[in-house]
């Protein structure tokens, strides 16, 4: 559902400022999470007790998604994009 935005300069400026702050927060979160997940391999997951291949694959898909998003955010467009909503649903379904 769309939110009504009155079309005047004051409201548009305020919306842009708020949305830019939100986007900056999301990009900062993304950068932190990419760094945090950087070392999470199947070997590391197995060592941590995560041995189910379906769970490992879902986690790796999520990691690929956040890396892809990070690459877009830092100016490196990707040739192929996966369905991130599908990957996120898979993560939420196994955890």
C-alpha atoms as a PDB file:
ATOM      1  CA  UNK A   1       0.000   0.000   0.000  1.00  0.00           C
ATOM      2  CA  UNK A   2       1.397   3.377  -0.957  1.00  0.00           C
ATOM      3  CA  UNK A   3       1.694   6.165   1.554  1.00  0.00           C
ATOM      4  CA  UNK A   4       0.216   9.496   0.627  1.00  0.00           C
ATOM      5  CA  UNK A   5       2.910  12.158   0.206  1.00  0.00           C
ATOM      6  CA  UNK A   6       1.583  15.696  -0.179  1.00  0.00           C
ATOM      7  CA  UNK A   7       3.185  17.202  -3.257  1.00  0.00           C
ATOM      8  CA  UNK A   8       4.843  20.308  -1.922  1.00  0.00           C
ATOM      9  CA  UNK A   9       8.482  21.179  -1.461  1.00  0.00           C
ATOM     10  CA  UNK A  10       8.507  21.013   2.342  1.00  0.00           C
ATOM     11  CA  UNK A  11       6.993  17.517   2.489  1.00  0.00           C
ATOM     12  CA  UNK A  12       9.114  16.162  -0.351  1.00  0.00           C
ATOM     13  CA  UNK A  13      12.301  17.583   1.206  1.00  0.00           C
ATOM     14  CA  UNK A  14      11.413  16.036   4.563  1.00  0.00           C
ATOM     15  CA  UNK A  15      10.583  12.676   2.990  1.00  0.00           C
ATOM     16  CA  UNK A  16      13.857  12.685   1.036  1.00  0.00           C
ATOM     17  CA  UNK A  17      15.834  13.536   4.144  1.00  0.00           C
ATOM     18  CA  UNK A  18      14.158  10.803   6.209  1.00  0.00           C
ATOM     19  CA  UNK A  19      14.439   8.213   3.463  1.00  0.00           C
ATOM     20  CA  UNK A  20      18.089   9.079   2.833  1.00  0.00           C
ATOM     21  CA  UNK A  21      18.844   8.625   6.539  1.00  0.00           C
ATOM     22  CA  UNK A  22      17.068   5.265   6.478  1.00  0.00           C
ATOM     23  CA  UNK A  23      18.926   4.137   3.363  1.00  0.00           C
ATOM     24  CA  UNK A  24      22.255   5.180   4.895  1.00  0.00           C
ATOM     25  CA  UNK A  25      21.406   3.125   8.002  1.00  0.00           C
ATOM     26  CA  UNK A  26      20.577   0.102   5.841  1.00  0.00           C
ATOM     27  CA  UNK A  27      23.814   0.420   3.873  1.00  0.00           C
ATOM     28  CA  UNK A  28      25.818   0.676   7.116  1.00  0.00           C
ATOM     29  CA  UNK A  29      24.053  -2.442   8.427  1.00  0.00           C
ATOM     30  CA  UNK A  30      24.781  -4.213   5.147  1.00  0.00           C
ATOM     31  CA  UNK A  31      28.482  -3.374   5.298  1.00  0.00           C
ATOM     32  CA  UNK A  32      28.706  -4.647   8.887  1.00  0.00           C
ATOM     33  CA  UNK A  33      26.872  -7.897   8.105  1.00  0.00           C
ATOM     34  CA  UNK A  34      28.939  -8.614   4.983  1.00  0.00           C
ATOM     35  CA  UNK A  35      32.057  -8.332   7.111  1.00  0.00           C
ATOM     36  CA  UNK A  36      30.554 -10.493   9.872  1.00  0.00           C
ATOM     37  CA  UNK A  37      29.518 -13.289   7.477  1.00  0.00           C
ATOM     38  CA  UNK A  38      32.703 -13.100   5.401  1.00  0.00           C
ATOM     39  CA  UNK A  39      34.350 -16.108   7.080  1.00  0.00           C
ATOM     40  CA  UNK A  40      31.230 -18.302   7.330  1.00  0.00           C
ATOM     41  CA  UNK A  41      31.994 -21.264   5.074  1.00  0.00           C
ATOM     42  CA  UNK A  42      30.567 -24.768   5.108  1.00  0.00           C
ATOM     43  CA  UNK A  43      33.666 -25.868   7.043  1.00  0.00           C
ATOM     44  CA  UNK A  44      33.097 -23.149   9.641  1.00  0.00           C
ATOM     45  CA  UNK A  45      29.390 -24.008   9.881  1.00  0.00           C
ATOM     46  CA  UNK A  46      30.178 -27.703  10.360  1.00  0.00           C
ATOM     47  CA  UNK A  47      32.676 -26.839  13.089  1.00  0.00           C
ATOM     48  CA  UNK A  48      29.966 -24.742  14.768  1.00  0.00           C
ATOM     49  CA  UNK A  49      27.527 -27.671  14.688  1.00  0.00           C
ATOM     50  CA  UNK A  50      25.504 -26.593  11.653  1.00  0.00           C
ATOM     51  CA  UNK A  51      25.699 -29.794   9.628  1.00  0.00           C
ATOM     52  CA  UNK A  52      22.380 -30.047   7.781  1.00  0.00           C
ATOM     53  CA  UNK A  53      23.170 -29.374   4.099  1.00  0.00           C
ATOM     54  CA  UNK A  54      19.784 -27.681   3.561  1.00  0.00           C
ATOM     55  CA  UNK A  55      20.473 -25.238   6.381  1.00  0.00           C
ATOM     56  CA  UNK A  56      24.012 -24.622   5.143  1.00  0.00           C
ATOM     57  CA  UNK A  57      22.716 -23.975   1.617  1.00  0.00           C
ATOM     58  CA  UNK A  58      20.079 -21.548   2.883  1.00  0.00           C
ATOM     59  CA  UNK A  59      22.699 -19.683   4.908  1.00  0.00           C
ATOM     60  CA  UNK A  60      25.068 -19.560   1.935  1.00  0.00           C
ATOM     61  CA  UNK A  61      22.236 -18.231  -0.263  1.00  0.00           C
ATOM     62  CA  UNK A  62      21.601 -15.486   2.281  1.00  0.00           C
ATOM     63  CA  UNK A  63      25.311 -14.642   2.378  1.00  0.00           C
ATOM     64  CA  UNK A  64      25.350 -14.466  -1.423  1.00  0.00           C
ATOM     65  CA  UNK A  65      22.336 -12.124  -1.306  1.00  0.00           C
ATOM     66  CA  UNK A  66      23.886  -9.688   1.146  1.00  0.00           C
ATOM     67  CA  UNK A  67      27.144  -9.765  -0.803  1.00  0.00           C
ATOM     68  CA  UNK A  68      25.202  -9.030  -4.001  1.00  0.00           C
ATOM     69  CA  UNK A  69      23.367  -6.162  -2.308  1.00  0.00           C
ATOM     70  CA  UNK A  70      26.672  -4.825  -0.998  1.00  0.00           C
ATOM     71  CA  UNK A  71      28.171  -4.945  -4.469  1.00  0.00           C
ATOM     72  CA  UNK A  72      25.212  -2.980  -5.841  1.00  0.00           C
ATOM     73  CA  UNK A  73      25.502  -0.448  -3.016  1.00  0.00           C
ATOM     74  CA  UNK A  74      29.207   0.052  -3.709  1.00  0.00           C
ATOM     75  CA  UNK A  75      28.761   0.531  -7.445  1.00  0.00           C
ATOM     76  CA  UNK A  76      29.427  -2.939  -8.845  1.00  0.00           C
ATOM     77  CA  UNK A  77      26.320  -4.027 -10.772  1.00  0.00           C
ATOM     78  CA  UNK A  78      25.764  -7.761 -11.067  1.00  0.00           C
ATOM     79  CA  UNK A  79      25.032  -9.584 -14.308  1.00  0.00           C
ATOM     80  CA  UNK A  80      22.600 -11.989 -12.631  1.00  0.00           C
ATOM     81  CA  UNK A  81      20.384 -11.413  -9.622  1.00  0.00           C
ATOM     82  CA  UNK A  82      18.810 -14.198  -7.601  1.00  0.00           C
ATOM     83  CA  UNK A  83      15.364 -13.952  -6.065  1.00  0.00           C
ATOM     84  CA  UNK A  84      16.343 -12.534  -2.688  1.00  0.00           C
ATOM     85  CA  UNK A  85      12.801 -12.844  -1.353  1.00  0.00           C
ATOM     86  CA  UNK A  86      12.906 -16.582  -2.062  1.00  0.00           C
ATOM     87  CA  UNK A  87      16.272 -16.938  -0.296  1.00  0.00           C
ATOM     88  CA  UNK A  88      15.056 -14.974   2.721  1.00  0.00           C
ATOM     89  CA  UNK A  89      11.917 -17.112   2.913  1.00  0.00           C
ATOM     90  CA  UNK A  90      14.141 -20.201   2.854  1.00  0.00           C
ATOM     91  CA  UNK A  91      16.228 -18.851   5.745  1.00  0.00           C
ATOM     92  CA  UNK A  92      13.147 -18.050   7.792  1.00  0.00           C
ATOM     93  CA  UNK A  93      11.762 -21.491   7.027  1.00  0.00           C
ATOM     94  CA  UNK A  94      14.779 -23.397   8.362  1.00  0.00           C
ATOM     95  CA  UNK A  95      15.689 -21.339  11.403  1.00  0.00           C
END
